[in-house]
C-alpha atoms as a PDB file:
ATOM      1  CA  UNK A   1      12.453  15.732  20.064  1.00  0.00           C
ATOM      2  CA  UNK A   2      13.521  14.617  16.787  1.00  0.00           C
ATOM      3  CA  UNK A   3      12.809  16.835  13.590  1.00  0.00           C
ATOM      4  CA  UNK A   4      10.299  14.709  11.205  1.00  0.00           C
ATOM      5  CA  UNK A   5      13.382  14.013   8.680  1.00  0.00           C
ATOM      6  CA  UNK A   6      14.895  11.874  11.467  1.00  0.00           C
ATOM      7  CA  UNK A   7      11.708  10.086  11.934  1.00  0.00           C
ATOM      8  CA  UNK A   8      11.716   6.503  10.280  1.00  0.00           C
ATOM      9  CA  UNK A   9      15.286   5.881  10.762  1.00  0.00           C
ATOM     10  CA  UNK A  10      14.770   2.419  12.054  1.00  0.00           C
ATOM     11  CA  UNK A  11      16.083  -0.288  10.108  1.00  0.00           C
ATOM     12  CA  UNK A  12      14.749  -3.893  10.491  1.00  0.00           C
ATOM     13  CA  UNK A  13      17.449  -6.322  10.233  1.00  0.00           C
ATOM     14  CA  UNK A  14      18.151  -7.207   6.538  1.00  0.00           C
ATOM     15  CA  UNK A  15      20.701  -7.306   3.793  1.00  0.00           C
ATOM     16  CA  UNK A  16      21.105  -3.671   2.589  1.00  0.00           C
ATOM     17  CA  UNK A  17      21.151  -3.450  -1.288  1.00  0.00           C
ATOM     18  CA  UNK A  18      22.275  -0.144  -1.686  1.00  0.00           C
ATOM     19  CA  UNK A  19      20.333   3.286  -1.195  1.00  0.00           C
ATOM     20  CA  UNK A  20      19.011   5.924  -3.935  1.00  0.00           C
ATOM     21  CA  UNK A  21      17.576   9.207  -3.248  1.00  0.00           C
ATOM     22  CA  UNK A  22      16.734   8.798   0.188  1.00  0.00           C
ATOM     23  CA  UNK A  23      15.376   5.405   0.003  1.00  0.00           C
ATOM     24  CA  UNK A  24      17.201   2.056   1.344  1.00  0.00           C
ATOM     25  CA  UNK A  25      16.443  -0.777  -0.450  1.00  0.00           C
ATOM     26  CA  UNK A  26      17.030  -4.365   1.712  1.00  0.00           C
ATOM     27  CA  UNK A  27      16.158  -7.953   1.776  1.00  0.00           C
ATOM     28  CA  UNK A  28      14.809  -9.195   5.267  1.00  0.00           C
ATOM     29  CA  UNK A  29      16.874 -12.158   6.798  1.00  0.00           C
ATOM     30  CA  UNK A  30      13.061 -13.650   7.108  1.00  0.00           C
ATOM     31  CA  UNK A  31      12.983 -13.639   3.318  1.00  0.00           C
ATOM     32  CA  UNK A  32      16.334 -15.482   3.050  1.00  0.00           C
ATOM     33  CA  UNK A  33      15.556 -18.047   6.067  1.00  0.00           C
ATOM     34  CA  UNK A  34      12.376 -18.801   4.346  1.00  0.00           C
ATOM     35  CA  UNK A  35      14.472 -19.584   1.248  1.00  0.00           C
ATOM     36  CA  UNK A  36      16.767 -21.819   2.729  1.00  0.00           C
ATOM     37  CA  UNK A  37      14.439 -23.954   4.597  1.00  0.00           C
ATOM     38  CA  UNK A  38      12.166 -24.103   1.360  1.00  0.00           C
ATOM     39  CA  UNK A  39      15.009 -25.492  -0.343  1.00  0.00           C
ATOM     40  CA  UNK A  40      16.447 -27.933   2.446  1.00  0.00           C
ATOM     41  CA  UNK A  41      12.786 -29.330   2.725  1.00  0.00           C
ATOM     42  CA  UNK A  42      12.155 -29.667  -1.272  1.00  0.00           C
ATOM     43  CA  UNK A  43      15.759 -31.396  -1.241  1.00  0.00           C
ATOM     44  CA  UNK A  44      14.985 -33.836   1.519  1.00  0.00           C
ATOM     45  CA  UNK A  45      11.886 -34.654   0.313  1.00  0.00           C
ATOM     46  CA  UNK A  46      12.704 -35.046  -3.589  1.00  0.00           C
ATOM     47  CA  UNK A  47      13.965 -39.012  -2.708  1.00  0.00           C
ATOM     48  CA  UNK A  48       9.683 -39.779  -1.886  1.00  0.00           C
ATOM     49  CA  UNK A  49       8.033 -40.912  -5.475  1.00  0.00           C
ATOM     50  CA  UNK A  50       6.194 -38.180  -7.384  1.00  0.00           C
ATOM     51  CA  UNK A  51       8.497 -35.276  -5.419  1.00  0.00           C
ATOM     52  CA  UNK A  52      10.793 -34.716  -8.287  1.00  0.00           C
ATOM     53  CA  UNK A  53       9.520 -31.206  -8.980  1.00  0.00           C
ATOM     54  CA  UNK A  54       9.576 -30.332  -5.639  1.00  0.00           C
ATOM     55  CA  UNK A  55      12.827 -28.421  -5.265  1.00  0.00           C
ATOM     56  CA  UNK A  56      11.890 -25.962  -8.331  1.00  0.00           C
ATOM     57  CA  UNK A  57       8.263 -25.433  -6.810  1.00  0.00           C
ATOM     58  CA  UNK A  58      10.249 -24.265  -3.835  1.00  0.00           C
ATOM     59  CA  UNK A  59      11.747 -21.701  -6.233  1.00  0.00           C
ATOM     60  CA  UNK A  60       8.860 -20.652  -7.325  1.00  0.00           C
ATOM     61  CA  UNK A  61       7.384 -20.142  -3.933  1.00  0.00           C
ATOM     62  CA  UNK A  62      10.267 -18.208  -3.099  1.00  0.00           C
ATOM     63  CA  UNK A  63      10.543 -16.161  -6.029  1.00  0.00           C
ATOM     64  CA  UNK A  64       6.703 -15.403  -5.999  1.00  0.00           C
ATOM     65  CA  UNK A  65       6.993 -14.357  -2.163  1.00  0.00           C
ATOM     66  CA  UNK A  66       9.886 -11.934  -3.182  1.00  0.00           C
ATOM     67  CA  UNK A  67       7.606 -10.622  -6.420  1.00  0.00           C
ATOM     68  CA  UNK A  68       4.727 -10.035  -4.402  1.00  0.00           C
ATOM     69  CA  UNK A  69       6.508  -8.089  -1.428  1.00  0.00           C
ATOM     70  CA  UNK A  70       8.389  -5.471  -4.289  1.00  0.00           C
ATOM     71  CA  UNK A  71       4.731  -5.437  -5.372  1.00  0.00           C
ATOM     72  CA  UNK A  72       3.234  -4.150  -2.069  1.00  0.00           C
ATOM     73  CA  UNK A  73       6.308  -1.732  -1.612  1.00  0.00           C
ATOM     74  CA  UNK A  74       6.020  -0.152  -4.919  1.00  0.00           C
ATOM     75  CA  UNK A  75       2.413   0.309  -4.338  1.00  0.00           C
ATOM     76  CA  UNK A  76       3.286   1.928  -0.861  1.00  0.00           C
ATOM     77  CA  UNK A  77       5.956   4.314  -2.399  1.00  0.00           C
ATOM     78  CA  UNK A  78       4.089   5.428  -5.007  1.00  0.00           C
ATOM     79  CA  UNK A  79       1.104   5.985  -3.100  1.00  0.00           C
ATOM     80  CA  UNK A  80       2.987   7.873  -0.185  1.00  0.00           C
ATOM     81  CA  UNK A  81       4.396  10.042  -2.767  1.00  0.00           C
ATOM     82  CA  UNK A  82       1.249  11.026  -4.331  1.00  0.00           C
ATOM     83  CA  UNK A  83      -0.142  11.712  -0.700  1.00  0.00           C
ATOM     84  CA  UNK A  84       3.060  14.330   0.038  1.00  0.00           C
ATOM     85  CA  UNK A  85       5.056  11.507   1.661  1.00  0.00           C
ATOM     86  CA  UNK A  86       8.499   9.423   1.332  1.00  0.00           C
ATOM     87  CA  UNK A  87       9.265   5.999   1.250  1.00  0.00           C
ATOM     88  CA  UNK A  88      12.300   5.772   3.499  1.00  0.00           C
ATOM     89  CA  UNK A  89      12.742   1.594   3.224  1.00  0.00           C
ATOM     90  CA  UNK A  90      11.386  -0.772   0.925  1.00  0.00           C
ATOM     91  CA  UNK A  91      12.172  -4.487   2.292  1.00  0.00           C
ATOM     92  CA  UNK A  92      11.104  -7.739   0.926  1.00  0.00           C
ATOM     93  CA  UNK A  93      10.511 -10.002   4.212  1.00  0.00           C
ATOM     94  CA  UNK A  94       9.161 -13.610   4.520  1.00  0.00           C
ATOM     95  CA  UNK A  95       5.870 -12.070   4.626  1.00  0.00           C
ATOM     96  CA  UNK A  96       5.562  -9.441   2.176  1.00  0.00           C
ATOM     97  CA  UNK A  97       6.535  -6.248   2.181  1.00  0.00           C
ATOM     98  CA  UNK A  98       8.027  -4.789   5.365  1.00  0.00           C
ATOM     99  CA  UNK A  99       9.564  -1.172   4.716  1.00  0.00           C
ATOM    100  CA  UNK A 100       8.791   2.069   6.127  1.00  0.00           C
ATOM    101  CA  UNK A 101       7.805   5.318   4.891  1.00  0.00           C
ATOM    102  CA  UNK A 102       7.360   8.826   6.145  1.00  0.00           C
ATOM    103  CA  UNK A 103       3.768  10.078   5.870  1.00  0.00           C
ATOM    104  CA  UNK A 104       1.607  13.029   7.749  1.00  0.00           C
ATOM    105  CA  UNK A 105      -1.815  12.482   9.413  1.00  0.00           C
ATOM    106  CA  UNK A 106      -3.702   9.565  10.463  1.00  0.00           C
ATOM    107  CA  UNK A 107      -6.049   9.087   7.066  1.00  0.00           C
ATOM    108  CA  UNK A 108      -2.580   9.173   4.614  1.00  0.00           C
ATOM    109  CA  UNK A 109      -1.260   6.577   6.609  1.00  0.00           C
ATOM    110  CA  UNK A 110      -4.261   4.201   6.587  1.00  0.00           C
ATOM    111  CA  UNK A 111      -4.507   4.848   2.526  1.00  0.00           C
ATOM    112  CA  UNK A 112      -1.015   4.155   2.108  1.00  0.00           C
ATOM    113  CA  UNK A 113      -0.982   1.080   4.519  1.00  0.00           C
ATOM    114  CA  UNK A 114      -3.856  -0.483   2.654  1.00  0.00           C
ATOM    115  CA  UNK A 115      -2.189   0.058  -1.019  1.00  0.00           C
ATOM    116  CA  UNK A 116       0.171  -2.576  -0.479  1.00  0.00           C
ATOM    117  CA  UNK A 117      -2.190  -5.350   0.421  1.00  0.00           C
ATOM    118  CA  UNK A 118      -4.705  -3.765  -2.258  1.00  0.00           C
ATOM    119  CA  UNK A 119      -1.954  -4.073  -5.098  1.00  0.00           C
ATOM    120  CA  UNK A 120      -0.941  -7.885  -4.311  1.00  0.00           C
ATOM    121  CA  UNK A 121      -5.014  -8.821  -3.731  1.00  0.00           C
ATOM    122  CA  UNK A 122      -6.058  -7.374  -7.471  1.00  0.00           C
ATOM    123  CA  UNK A 123      -2.743  -9.083  -9.067  1.00  0.00           C
ATOM    124  CA  UNK A 124      -4.103 -12.451  -7.519  1.00  0.00           C
ATOM    125  CA  UNK A 125      -7.418 -12.113  -8.874  1.00  0.00           C
ATOM    126  CA  UNK A 126      -5.924 -10.953 -12.422  1.00  0.00           C
ATOM    127  CA  UNK A 127      -3.834 -14.161 -12.450  1.00  0.00           C
ATOM    128  CA  UNK A 128      -6.526 -16.073 -10.795  1.00  0.00           C
ATOM    129  CA  UNK A 129      -9.050 -14.657 -13.530  1.00  0.00           C
ATOM    130  CA  UNK A 130      -6.815 -15.662 -16.463  1.00  0.00           C
ATOM    131  CA  UNK A 131      -7.004 -19.209 -15.186  1.00  0.00           C
ATOM    132  CA  UNK A 132     -10.801 -19.614 -14.675  1.00  0.00           C
ATOM    133  CA  UNK A 133     -11.030 -18.172 -18.176  1.00  0.00           C
ATOM    134  CA  UNK A 134      -9.008 -21.213 -19.201  1.00  0.00           C
ATOM    135  CA  UNK A 135     -11.460 -23.442 -17.092  1.00  0.00           C
ATOM    136  CA  UNK A 136      -8.383 -24.846 -14.809  1.00  0.00           C
ATOM    137  CA  UNK A 137     -10.328 -24.278 -11.565  1.00  0.00           C
ATOM    138  CA  UNK A 138     -12.874 -22.261  -9.670  1.00  0.00           C
ATOM    139  CA  UNK A 139     -12.010 -19.188  -8.236  1.00  0.00           C
ATOM    140  CA  UNK A 140     -12.691 -19.918  -4.463  1.00  0.00           C
ATOM    141  CA  UNK A 141     -10.376 -22.880  -5.287  1.00  0.00           C
ATOM    142  CA  UNK A 142      -7.329 -21.076  -6.132  1.00  0.00           C
ATOM    143  CA  UNK A 143      -7.401 -18.340  -4.011  1.00  0.00           C
ATOM    144  CA  UNK A 144      -8.704 -19.775  -0.396  1.00  0.00           C
ATOM    145  CA  UNK A 145      -5.601 -18.483   2.040  1.00  0.00           C
ATOM    146  CA  UNK A 146      -6.438 -21.910   4.177  1.00  0.00           C
ATOM    147  CA  UNK A 147      -6.351 -24.460   1.690  1.00  0.00           C
ATOM    148  CA  UNK A 148      -3.179 -24.373  -0.731  1.00  0.00           C
ATOM    149  CA  UNK A 149      -4.099 -25.106  -4.509  1.00  0.00           C
ATOM    150  CA  UNK A 150      -3.821 -28.882  -5.534  1.00  0.00           C
ATOM    151  CA  UNK A 151      -1.431 -30.000  -8.252  1.00  0.00           C
ATOM    152  CA  UNK A 152      -1.786 -32.587 -10.198  1.00  0.00           C
ATOM    153  CA  UNK A 153       1.049 -33.978 -12.594  1.00  0.00           C
ATOM    154  CA  UNK A 154       4.768 -32.167 -13.041  1.00  0.00           C
ATOM    155  CA  UNK A 155       5.183 -28.519 -13.096  1.00  0.00           C
ATOM    156  CA  UNK A 156       4.165 -26.280 -15.668  1.00  0.00           C
ATOM    157  CA  UNK A 157       2.862 -23.030 -16.309  1.00  0.00           C
ATOM    158  CA  UNK A 158      -0.701 -23.606 -15.331  1.00  0.00           C
ATOM    159  CA  UNK A 159       0.543 -24.582 -11.871  1.00  0.00           C
ATOM    160  CA  UNK A 160       2.798 -21.917 -11.614  1.00  0.00           C
ATOM    161  CA  UNK A 161      -0.031 -19.453 -12.248  1.00  0.00           C
ATOM    162  CA  UNK A 162      -1.979 -21.054  -9.503  1.00  0.00           C
ATOM    163  CA  UNK A 163       0.731 -21.007  -7.263  1.00  0.00           C
ATOM    164  CA  UNK A 164       1.608 -17.317  -7.718  1.00  0.00           C
ATOM    165  CA  UNK A 165      -2.102 -16.157  -7.542  1.00  0.00           C
ATOM    166  CA  UNK A 166      -2.634 -18.338  -4.270  1.00  0.00           C
ATOM    167  CA  UNK A 167       0.602 -16.695  -2.653  1.00  0.00           C
ATOM    168  CA  UNK A 168      -0.459 -13.119  -3.501  1.00  0.00           C
ATOM    169  CA  UNK A 169      -3.666 -13.595  -2.015  1.00  0.00           C
ATOM    170  CA  UNK A 170      -2.314 -15.125   0.678  1.00  0.00           C
ATOM    171  CA  UNK A 171      -0.007 -12.534   1.847  1.00  0.00           C
ATOM    172  CA  UNK A 172      -2.590  -9.525   1.099  1.00  0.00           C
ATOM    173  CA  UNK A 173      -4.390 -11.779   3.959  1.00  0.00           C
ATOM    174  CA  UNK A 174      -1.787 -11.679   6.040  1.00  0.00           C
ATOM    175  CA  UNK A 175      -0.525  -7.969   5.692  1.00  0.00           C
ATOM    176  CA  UNK A 176      -4.008  -6.857   6.269  1.00  0.00           C
ATOM    177  CA  UNK A 177      -3.969  -8.823   9.695  1.00  0.00           C
ATOM    178  CA  UNK A 178      -2.474  -6.394  12.399  1.00  0.00           C
ATOM    179  CA  UNK A 179       0.352  -8.284  13.304  1.00  0.00           C
ATOM    180  CA  UNK A 180       3.496  -6.955  13.859  1.00  0.00           C
ATOM    181  CA  UNK A 181       5.037  -5.354  11.150  1.00  0.00           C
ATOM    182  CA  UNK A 182       2.321  -5.967   8.814  1.00  0.00           C
ATOM    183  CA  UNK A 183       0.170  -3.115   7.115  1.00  0.00           C
ATOM    184  CA  UNK A 184      -2.837  -4.234   9.052  1.00  0.00           C
ATOM    185  CA  UNK A 185      -1.134  -2.763  12.207  1.00  0.00           C
ATOM    186  CA  UNK A 186      -0.361   0.711  10.546  1.00  0.00           C
ATOM    187  CA  UNK A 187      -3.577   0.735   9.006  1.00  0.00           C
ATOM    188  CA  UNK A 188      -5.534   0.328  12.396  1.00  0.00           C
ATOM    189  CA  UNK A 189      -3.239   3.102  13.859  1.00  0.00           C
ATOM    190  CA  UNK A 190      -3.845   5.215  10.978  1.00  0.00           C
ATOM    191  CA  UNK A 191      -7.462   4.673  11.868  1.00  0.00           C
ATOM    192  CA  UNK A 192      -7.520   5.221  15.320  1.00  0.00           C
ATOM    193  CA  UNK A 193      -5.245   8.295  14.676  1.00  0.00           C
ATOM    194  CA  UNK A 194      -8.234   9.598  12.022  1.00  0.00           C
ATOM    195  CA  UNK A 195     -11.154   9.036  14.194  1.00  0.00           C
ATOM    196  CA  UNK A 196      -9.477   9.980  17.195  1.00  0.00           C
ATOM    197  CA  UNK A 197      -7.440  12.817  16.447  1.00  0.00           C
ATOM    198  CA  UNK A 198      -7.071  14.240  20.046  1.00  0.00           C
ATOM    199  CA  UNK A 199      -5.120  11.293  21.547  1.00  0.00           C
ATOM    200  CA  UNK A 200      -1.469  11.259  22.393  1.00  0.00           C
ATOM    201  CA  UNK A 201       0.774   8.661  20.760  1.00  0.00           C
ATOM    202  CA  UNK A 202       0.637   6.364  23.883  1.00  0.00           C
ATOM    203  CA  UNK A 203      -2.865   6.754  24.185  1.00  0.00           C
ATOM    204  CA  UNK A 204      -3.259   5.752  20.442  1.00  0.00           C
ATOM    205  CA  UNK A 205      -0.925   2.914  21.046  1.00  0.00           C
ATOM    206  CA  UNK A 206      -3.198   1.715  23.922  1.00  0.00           C
ATOM    207  CA  UNK A 207      -6.363   2.145  21.524  1.00  0.00           C
ATOM    208  CA  UNK A 208      -4.770   0.117  18.857  1.00  0.00           C
ATOM    209  CA  UNK A 209      -3.762  -2.644  21.305  1.00  0.00           C
ATOM    210  CA  UNK A 210      -7.325  -3.333  22.749  1.00  0.00           C
ATOM    211  CA  UNK A 211      -8.533  -3.061  19.196  1.00  0.00           C
ATOM    212  CA  UNK A 212      -6.557  -5.737  18.155  1.00  0.00           C
ATOM    213  CA  UNK A 213      -7.657  -7.744  21.489  1.00  0.00           C
ATOM    214  CA  UNK A 214     -10.676  -7.848  20.413  1.00  0.00           C
ATOM    215  CA  UNK A 215      -9.752  -8.812  16.784  1.00  0.00           C
ATOM    216  CA  UNK A 216      -8.200 -11.769  18.228  1.00  0.00           C
ATOM    217  CA  UNK A 217     -11.039 -12.498  20.269  1.00  0.00           C
ATOM    218  CA  UNK A 218     -13.176 -12.301  17.925  1.00  0.00           C
ATOM    219  CA  UNK A 219     -10.980 -14.619  15.496  1.00  0.00           C
ATOM    220  CA  UNK A 220     -10.862 -17.392  18.155  1.00  0.00           C
ATOM    221  CA  UNK A 221     -14.809 -17.309  17.992  1.00  0.00           C
ATOM    222  CA  UNK A 222     -14.960 -17.955  14.557  1.00  0.00           C
ATOM    223  CA  UNK A 223     -12.373 -20.817  14.827  1.00  0.00           C
ATOM    224  CA  UNK A 224     -14.621 -22.215  17.459  1.00  0.00           C
ATOM    225  CA  UNK A 225     -17.862 -21.607  14.907  1.00  0.00           C
ATOM    226  CA  UNK A 226     -15.817 -23.471  12.184  1.00  0.00           C
ATOM    227  CA  UNK A 227     -14.622 -26.160  13.850  1.00  0.00           C
ATOM    228  CA  UNK A 228     -18.498 -26.919  15.068  1.00  0.00           C
ATOM    229  CA  UNK A 229     -19.514 -26.755  11.184  1.00  0.00           C
ATOM    230  CA  UNK A 230     -16.790 -27.506   9.043  1.00  0.00           C
ATOM    231  CA  UNK A 231     -17.142 -30.526   7.164  1.00  0.00           C
ATOM    232  CA  UNK A 232     -14.905 -33.477   8.960  1.00  0.00           C
ATOM    233  CA  UNK A 233     -13.360 -35.153   5.663  1.00  0.00           C
ATOM    234  CA  UNK A 234     -10.895 -32.591   4.593  1.00  0.00           C
ATOM    235  CA  UNK A 235      -8.154 -30.675   6.732  1.00  0.00           C
ATOM    236  CA  UNK A 236      -9.302 -28.841   9.470  1.00  0.00           C
ATOM    237  CA  UNK A 237      -9.002 -25.329   9.488  1.00  0.00           C
ATOM    238  CA  UNK A 238     -10.432 -24.177  12.703  1.00  0.00           C
ATOM    239  CA  UNK A 239      -6.480 -24.810  14.018  1.00  0.00           C
ATOM    240  CA  UNK A 240      -5.264 -22.454  11.743  1.00  0.00           C
ATOM    241  CA  UNK A 241      -7.499 -19.691  12.874  1.00  0.00           C
ATOM    242  CA  UNK A 242      -6.946 -20.442  16.289  1.00  0.00           C
ATOM    243  CA  UNK A 243      -3.359 -20.017  15.911  1.00  0.00           C
ATOM    244  CA  UNK A 244      -4.031 -16.705  13.981  1.00  0.00           C
ATOM    245  CA  UNK A 245      -5.907 -15.371  16.946  1.00  0.00           C
ATOM    246  CA  UNK A 246      -3.091 -16.372  19.300  1.00  0.00           C
ATOM    247  CA  UNK A 247      -0.813 -14.677  17.254  1.00  0.00           C
ATOM    248  CA  UNK A 248      -2.683 -11.593  17.224  1.00  0.00           C
ATOM    249  CA  UNK A 249      -2.818 -11.497  20.925  1.00  0.00           C
ATOM    250  CA  UNK A 250       0.597 -12.318  21.078  1.00  0.00           C
ATOM    251  CA  UNK A 251       1.534  -9.589  18.645  1.00  0.00           C
ATOM    252  CA  UNK A 252      -0.857  -6.635  19.999  1.00  0.00           C
ATOM    253  CA  UNK A 253       1.681  -6.669  23.185  1.00  0.00           C
ATOM    254  CA  UNK A 254       4.335  -5.230  20.877  1.00  0.00           C
ATOM    255  CA  UNK A 255       4.677  -1.737  19.813  1.00  0.00           C
ATOM    256  CA  UNK A 256       5.462  -1.691  15.963  1.00  0.00           C
ATOM    257  CA  UNK A 257       8.564   0.183  15.306  1.00  0.00           C
ATOM    258  CA  UNK A 258       6.857   1.186  11.765  1.00  0.00           C
ATOM    259  CA  UNK A 259       4.432   3.220  13.181  1.00  0.00           C
ATOM    260  CA  UNK A 260       5.031   6.789  13.528  1.00  0.00           C
ATOM    261  CA  UNK A 261       2.305   9.580  12.793  1.00  0.00           C
ATOM    262  CA  UNK A 262       3.473  12.940  12.342  1.00  0.00           C
ATOM    263  CA  UNK A 263       0.811  15.740  13.336  1.00  0.00           C
ATOM    264  CA  UNK A 264       3.042  18.521  11.933  1.00  0.00           C
ATOM    265  CA  UNK A 265       1.611  21.793  11.886  1.00  0.00           C
ATOM    266  CA  UNK A 266       2.965  22.395   7.979  1.00  0.00           C
ATOM    267  CA  UNK A 267       1.782  19.514   6.353  1.00  0.00           C
ATOM    268  CA  UNK A 268       3.347  18.580   2.976  1.00  0.00           C
ATOM    269  CA  UNK A 269       0.982  19.439   0.064  1.00  0.00           C
ATOM    270  CA  UNK A 270       1.738  16.483  -1.919  1.00  0.00           C
ATOM    271  CA  UNK A 271       1.572  16.191  -5.829  1.00  0.00           C
ATOM    272  CA  UNK A 272      -1.697  17.178  -6.492  1.00  0.00           C
ATOM    273  CA  UNK A 273      -1.788  19.890  -4.129  1.00  0.00           C
ATOM    274  CA  UNK A 274       1.643  20.953  -5.842  1.00  0.00           C
ATOM    275  CA  UNK A 275      -0.105  20.850  -8.913  1.00  0.00           C
ATOM    276  CA  UNK A 276      -2.719  23.392  -7.919  1.00  0.00           C
ATOM    277  CA  UNK A 277      -0.768  26.093  -6.604  1.00  0.00           C
ATOM    278  CA  UNK A 278       1.376  26.020  -9.539  1.00  0.00           C
ATOM    279  CA  UNK A 279      -2.141  26.760 -11.387  1.00  0.00           C
ATOM    280  CA  UNK A 280      -2.996  29.567  -9.341  1.00  0.00           C
ATOM    281  CA  UNK A 281       0.353  31.056 -10.024  1.00  0.00           C
ATOM    282  CA  UNK A 282       0.012  30.822 -13.603  1.00  0.00           C
ATOM    283  CA  UNK A 283      -3.370  32.239 -13.406  1.00  0.00           C
ATOM    284  CA  UNK A 284      -2.006  35.289 -11.190  1.00  0.00           C
ATOM    285  CA  UNK A 285       0.626  35.975 -13.105  1.00  0.00           C
ATOM    286  CA  UNK A 286      -1.257  36.085 -16.259  1.00  0.00           C
ATOM    287  CA  UNK A 287      -3.958  38.116 -14.706  1.00  0.00           C
ATOM    288  CA  UNK A 288      -1.178  40.565 -13.305  1.00  0.00           C
ATOM    289  CA  UNK A 289      -0.157  40.782 -17.162  1.00  0.00           C
ATOM    290  CA  UNK A 290      -3.483  41.853 -18.470  1.00  0.00           C
ATOM    291  CA  UNK A 291      -3.877  44.331 -16.113  1.00  0.00           C
ATOM    292  CA  UNK A 292      -0.955  46.088 -16.856  1.00  0.00           C
ATOM    293  CA  UNK A 293      -1.480  45.838 -20.410  1.00  0.00           C
ATOM    294  CA  UNK A 294      -5.496  47.165 -20.282  1.00  0.00           C
ATOM    295  CA  UNK A 295      -4.704  50.401 -19.915  1.00  0.00           C
ATOM    296  CA  UNK A 296      -3.133  50.430 -23.267  1.00  0.00           C
ATOM    297  CA  UNK A 297      -4.980  48.385 -24.987  1.00  0.00           C
ATOM    298  CA  UNK A 298      -8.257  50.876 -23.736  1.00  0.00           C
ATOM    299  CA  UNK A 299      -6.233  53.927 -24.563  1.00  0.00           C
ATOM    300  CA  UNK A 300      -5.345  52.746 -28.191  1.00  0.00           C
ATOM    301  CA  UNK A 301      -8.954  51.582 -28.691  1.00  0.00           C
ATOM    302  CA  UNK A 302      -9.944  55.188 -27.897  1.00  0.00           C
ATOM    303  CA  UNK A 303      -7.614  56.782 -30.181  1.00  0.00           C
ATOM    304  CA  UNK A 304      -7.674  54.342 -33.368  1.00  0.00           C
ATOM    305  CA  UNK A 305     -11.430  52.190 -32.730  1.00  0.00           C
ATOM    306  CA  UNK A 306     -11.786  48.701 -32.027  1.00  0.00           C
ATOM    307  CA  UNK A 307     -10.171  47.906 -35.343  1.00  0.00           C
ATOM    308  CA  UNK A 308      -6.547  48.705 -34.614  1.00  0.00           C
ATOM    309  CA  UNK A 309      -6.651  45.800 -31.944  1.00  0.00           C
ATOM    310  CA  UNK A 310      -4.794  42.588 -32.434  1.00  0.00           C
ATOM    311  CA  UNK A 311      -5.986  38.921 -31.619  1.00  0.00           C
ATOM    312  CA  UNK A 312      -4.075  38.869 -28.302  1.00  0.00           C
ATOM    313  CA  UNK A 313      -5.434  42.503 -27.101  1.00  0.00           C
ATOM    314  CA  UNK A 314      -9.241  41.027 -27.789  1.00  0.00           C
ATOM    315  CA  UNK A 315      -7.976  38.048 -25.553  1.00  0.00           C
ATOM    316  CA  UNK A 316      -6.607  40.281 -22.843  1.00  0.00           C
ATOM    317  CA  UNK A 317     -10.101  42.185 -23.102  1.00  0.00           C
ATOM    318  CA  UNK A 318     -11.775  39.210 -22.701  1.00  0.00           C
ATOM    319  CA  UNK A 319     -10.275  37.632 -20.042  1.00  0.00           C
ATOM    320  CA  UNK A 320     -10.386  40.775 -18.231  1.00  0.00           C
ATOM    321  CA  UNK A 321     -14.466  41.010 -18.880  1.00  0.00           C
ATOM    322  CA  UNK A 322     -14.431  37.250 -17.802  1.00  0.00           C
ATOM    323  CA  UNK A 323     -12.438  38.154 -14.412  1.00  0.00           C
ATOM    324  CA  UNK A 324     -14.716  41.404 -13.746  1.00  0.00           C
ATOM    325  CA  UNK A 325     -17.950  38.896 -14.352  1.00  0.00           C
ATOM    326  CA  UNK A 326     -16.374  36.218 -11.882  1.00  0.00           C
ATOM    327  CA  UNK A 327     -15.447  38.652  -8.985  1.00  0.00           C
ATOM    328  CA  UNK A 328     -19.200  40.680  -9.331  1.00  0.00           C
ATOM    329  CA  UNK A 329     -20.992  37.426  -8.987  1.00  0.00           C
ATOM    330  CA  UNK A 330     -19.076  36.542  -5.796  1.00  0.00           C
ATOM    331  CA  UNK A 331     -19.632  39.878  -4.443  1.00  0.00           C
END
């Protein structure tokens, strides 16, 4: 059986940029391939009337995906560090962040997994809120994942802001889906480990696959409902929902290599736990020092009176009195 430090050594295919303090930094091949497809398509469609800015728009989209992916990975790394875990891989993929982290226990895994999509969602709301304050468009028009923003005229800061906000919200929604190598899958597995702690890894994987199947079934049902009541004038959304349901069902049959819940006997204490331990240690050291000085202070007070005590001696007596009252209150 591998030790906890050897788990999470799986590295998805990507271009390694380096390693620093135990964390590997990489760019996924999917992100590089997506950039190539965007630039080739934009260059090919550039000859059409009104598409002169299309290559620049492709560059904005590609860089926005990379920025949002880096934001999600940073949120994962910071949250894992606060909860006593560690980021092992920070990688930007075509669907956002695709890194790995070592964390102990289902609840902590769920919290770290939710941190990435939450960060990109908050960023999208911030950018869209600024544009809405300027009166550019409504919040729903800019942040609807199933409908890209309408760009009129040449590319400017406002249109770039709309694109970035839409991409951030779309990647947040995509990452929350329990797809293969997405945060939603890790979040769902963490929830199963939290509410079913007695499950073995195989039982937990089976329960996660069953839950993904039900989510896919609900997504297909939602697509049928949308197809019945959707406005016929606009671009239909039900095919996208049906495709997501199909992809979810296919993804549920695969085992996500990023998921490793470690139920160790000695779990890490985390940053807050370490701070509490340091405070308790300092308090115990101070109490031991006060006890060592207490006899000397009492003898001096008996021989020379209370006026012979210094401010430090009086502080020691005050702390000793407070400690006695605290212990007597507990008893």
